[in-house]
Amino acid sequence: NKECDPDDIASAIRTVALGRRYITPQVAELLADSVLGTGDQLPHESLSERELQVFLRLAQGETVGHIAEQMFLSVKTVSTYRSRVLDKLSLSTNSDLTYYALKNGLIQ
């Protein structure tokens, strides 16, 4: 990713060139969590900070365009966050987001 040290990238390239797989420690942890489960963690607790911000704004009835304007993001970026949130929470509509947020005490 963008934050990787150049030495890590070079090491990854050498590993892959040898025909082996390379996984960063962060990705390995995510894979382990997904295989082993995250315990009692609620689905919304797996959202990134930005995804949670977009989720809460959508749940309160804000439009994608308004969120983009207020957060200084493009509409496409906010739409991408919305899609990720819906996927991670296994929901399909903004109404579902609102219901989930109310049910879990995230909004009033």
C-alpha atoms as a PDB file:
ATOM      1  CA  ASN A   1       0.000   0.000   0.000  1.00  0.00           C
ATOM      2  CA  LYS A   2       0.964   3.669  -0.075  1.00  0.00           C
ATOM      3  CA  GLU A   3       2.463   3.608   3.406  1.00  0.00           C
ATOM      4  CA  CYS A   4       4.819   0.686   2.723  1.00  0.00           C
ATOM      5  CA  ASP A   5       8.514   1.192   3.193  1.00  0.00           C
ATOM      6  CA  PRO A   6      10.418   0.896  -0.123  1.00  0.00           C
ATOM      7  CA  ASP A   7      12.544  -1.884   1.407  1.00  0.00           C
ATOM      8  CA  ASP A   8       9.359  -3.849   2.176  1.00  0.00           C
ATOM      9  CA  ILE A   9       8.212  -3.446  -1.424  1.00  0.00           C
ATOM     10  CA  ALA A  10      11.584  -4.690  -2.705  1.00  0.00           C
ATOM     11  CA  SER A  11      11.404  -7.663  -0.338  1.00  0.00           C
ATOM     12  CA  ALA A  12       7.880  -8.462  -1.524  1.00  0.00           C
ATOM     13  CA  ILE A  13       8.979  -8.343  -5.164  1.00  0.00           C
ATOM     14  CA  ARG A  14      11.916 -10.687  -4.462  1.00  0.00           C
ATOM     15  CA  THR A  15       9.635 -13.102  -2.595  1.00  0.00           C
ATOM     16  CA  VAL A  16       7.069 -13.182  -5.398  1.00  0.00           C
ATOM     17  CA  ALA A  17       9.822 -13.523  -8.020  1.00  0.00           C
ATOM     18  CA  LEU A  18      10.910 -16.713  -6.228  1.00  0.00           C
ATOM     19  CA  GLY A  19       7.404 -18.088  -6.757  1.00  0.00           C
ATOM     20  CA  ARG A  20       6.320 -17.656  -3.146  1.00  0.00           C
ATOM     21  CA  ARG A  21       3.479 -15.613  -1.686  1.00  0.00           C
ATOM     22  CA  TYR A  22       4.035 -12.378   0.193  1.00  0.00           C
ATOM     23  CA  ILE A  23       1.612 -11.079   2.777  1.00  0.00           C
ATOM     24  CA  THR A  24       2.232  -8.082   4.997  1.00  0.00           C
ATOM     25  CA  PRO A  25       1.831  -8.576   8.754  1.00  0.00           C
ATOM     26  CA  GLN A  26      -1.249  -6.325   8.678  1.00  0.00           C
ATOM     27  CA  VAL A  27      -2.918  -8.406   5.966  1.00  0.00           C
ATOM     28  CA  ALA A  28      -1.967 -11.617   7.764  1.00  0.00           C
ATOM     29  CA  GLU A  29      -3.709 -10.315  10.884  1.00  0.00           C
ATOM     30  CA  LEU A  30      -6.838  -9.425   8.901  1.00  0.00           C
ATOM     31  CA  LEU A  31      -6.862 -12.881   7.323  1.00  0.00           C
ATOM     32  CA  ALA A  32      -6.471 -14.534  10.717  1.00  0.00           C
ATOM     33  CA  ASP A  33      -9.319 -12.426  12.126  1.00  0.00           C
ATOM     34  CA  SER A  34     -11.596 -13.366   9.235  1.00  0.00           C
ATOM     35  CA  VAL A  35     -10.809 -17.067   9.587  1.00  0.00           C
ATOM     36  CA  LEU A  36     -11.012 -17.156  13.376  1.00  0.00           C
ATOM     37  CA  GLY A  37     -13.847 -14.671  13.656  1.00  0.00           C
ATOM     38  CA  THR A  38     -13.778 -11.417  15.541  1.00  0.00           C
ATOM     39  CA  GLY A  39     -15.523 -12.675  18.653  1.00  0.00           C
ATOM     40  CA  ASP A  40     -18.255 -10.503  20.069  1.00  0.00           C
ATOM     41  CA  GLN A  41     -17.451  -7.568  17.807  1.00  0.00           C
ATOM     42  CA  LEU A  42     -20.478  -5.900  16.218  1.00  0.00           C
ATOM     43  CA  PRO A  43     -20.345  -5.502  12.429  1.00  0.00           C
ATOM     44  CA  HIS A  44     -20.043  -1.695  12.561  1.00  0.00           C
ATOM     45  CA  GLU A  45     -16.942  -2.001  14.766  1.00  0.00           C
ATOM     46  CA  SER A  46     -15.042  -3.323  11.739  1.00  0.00           C
ATOM     47  CA  LEU A  47     -15.601  -0.098   9.788  1.00  0.00           C
ATOM     48  CA  SER A  48     -12.736   2.305   9.239  1.00  0.00           C
ATOM     49  CA  GLU A  49     -13.078   5.741  10.792  1.00  0.00           C
ATOM     50  CA  ARG A  50     -14.033   7.306   7.444  1.00  0.00           C
ATOM     51  CA  GLU A  51     -16.527   4.529   6.675  1.00  0.00           C
ATOM     52  CA  LEU A  52     -18.129   5.078  10.082  1.00  0.00           C
ATOM     53  CA  GLN A  53     -18.391   8.826   9.453  1.00  0.00           C
ATOM     54  CA  VAL A  54     -20.107   8.262   6.103  1.00  0.00           C
ATOM     55  CA  PHE A  55     -22.327   5.543   7.598  1.00  0.00           C
ATOM     56  CA  LEU A  56     -23.582   7.786  10.397  1.00  0.00           C
ATOM     57  CA  ARG A  57     -24.278  10.676   8.017  1.00  0.00           C
ATOM     58  CA  LEU A  58     -26.194   8.393   5.649  1.00  0.00           C
ATOM     59  CA  ALA A  59     -28.102   6.897   8.567  1.00  0.00           C
ATOM     60  CA  GLN A  60     -29.174  10.419   9.555  1.00  0.00           C
ATOM     61  CA  GLY A  61     -30.585  10.995   6.089  1.00  0.00           C
ATOM     62  CA  GLU A  62     -27.848  13.054   4.437  1.00  0.00           C
ATOM     63  CA  THR A  63     -27.395  12.616   0.693  1.00  0.00           C
ATOM     64  CA  VAL A  64     -24.187  11.393  -0.886  1.00  0.00           C
ATOM     65  CA  GLY A  65     -23.739  14.792  -2.558  1.00  0.00           C
ATOM     66  CA  HIS A  66     -24.141  16.694   0.711  1.00  0.00           C
ATOM     67  CA  ILE A  67     -21.742  14.355   2.526  1.00  0.00           C
ATOM     68  CA  ALA A  68     -19.179  14.796  -0.244  1.00  0.00           C
ATOM     69  CA  GLU A  69     -19.443  18.559  -0.013  1.00  0.00           C
ATOM     70  CA  GLN A  70     -19.213  18.639   3.794  1.00  0.00           C
ATOM     71  CA  MET A  71     -16.300  16.179   3.986  1.00  0.00           C
ATOM     72  CA  PHE A  72     -14.430  17.691   1.011  1.00  0.00           C
ATOM     73  CA  LEU A  73     -14.581  14.403  -0.914  1.00  0.00           C
ATOM     74  CA  SER A  74     -15.824  13.528  -4.373  1.00  0.00           C
ATOM     75  CA  VAL A  75     -19.283  12.038  -4.791  1.00  0.00           C
ATOM     76  CA  LYS A  76     -17.633   8.917  -6.210  1.00  0.00           C
ATOM     77  CA  THR A  77     -15.476   8.517  -3.085  1.00  0.00           C
ATOM     78  CA  VAL A  78     -18.487   8.826  -0.789  1.00  0.00           C
ATOM     79  CA  SER A  79     -20.382   6.337  -2.963  1.00  0.00           C
ATOM     80  CA  THR A  80     -17.465   3.919  -2.615  1.00  0.00           C
ATOM     81  CA  TYR A  81     -17.539   4.295   1.170  1.00  0.00           C
ATOM     82  CA  ARG A  82     -21.299   3.720   1.102  1.00  0.00           C
ATOM     83  CA  SER A  83     -20.846   0.501  -0.893  1.00  0.00           C
ATOM     84  CA  ARG A  84     -18.172  -0.751   1.498  1.00  0.00           C
ATOM     85  CA  VAL A  85     -20.359  -0.005   4.515  1.00  0.00           C
ATOM     86  CA  LEU A  86     -23.335  -1.797   2.984  1.00  0.00           C
ATOM     87  CA  ASP A  87     -21.147  -4.821   2.192  1.00  0.00           C
ATOM     88  CA  LYS A  88     -19.516  -4.964   5.622  1.00  0.00           C
ATOM     89  CA  LEU A  89     -22.837  -4.649   7.422  1.00  0.00           C
ATOM     90  CA  SER A  90     -24.660  -6.992   4.994  1.00  0.00           C
ATOM     91  CA  LEU A  91     -27.276  -4.325   4.269  1.00  0.00           C
ATOM     92  CA  SER A  92     -28.746  -3.106   1.002  1.00  0.00           C
ATOM     93  CA  THR A  93     -30.342   0.336   1.406  1.00  0.00           C
ATOM     94  CA  ASN A  94     -29.935   3.609   3.256  1.00  0.00           C
ATOM     95  CA  SER A  95     -33.097   2.738   5.173  1.00  0.00           C
ATOM     96  CA  ASP A  96     -31.380  -0.428   6.365  1.00  0.00           C
ATOM     97  CA  LEU A  97     -28.434   1.710   7.499  1.00  0.00           C
ATOM     98  CA  THR A  98     -30.756   3.975   9.481  1.00  0.00           C
ATOM     99  CA  TYR A  99     -32.523   1.033  11.114  1.00  0.00           C
ATOM    100  CA  TYR A 100     -29.186  -0.596  12.021  1.00  0.00           C
ATOM    101  CA  ALA A 101     -27.863   2.656  13.511  1.00  0.00           C
ATOM    102  CA  LEU A 102     -31.016   3.180  15.572  1.00  0.00           C
ATOM    103  CA  LYS A 103     -31.093  -0.421  16.748  1.00  0.00           C
ATOM    104  CA  ASN A 104     -27.463  -0.228  17.898  1.00  0.00           C
ATOM    105  CA  GLY A 105     -27.770   3.184  19.543  1.00  0.00           C
ATOM    106  CA  LEU A 106     -25.474   4.931  17.087  1.00  0.00           C
ATOM    107  CA  ILE A 107     -28.007   7.678  16.319  1.00  0.00           C
ATOM    108  CA  GLN A 108     -31.181   8.934  17.957  1.00  0.00           C
END
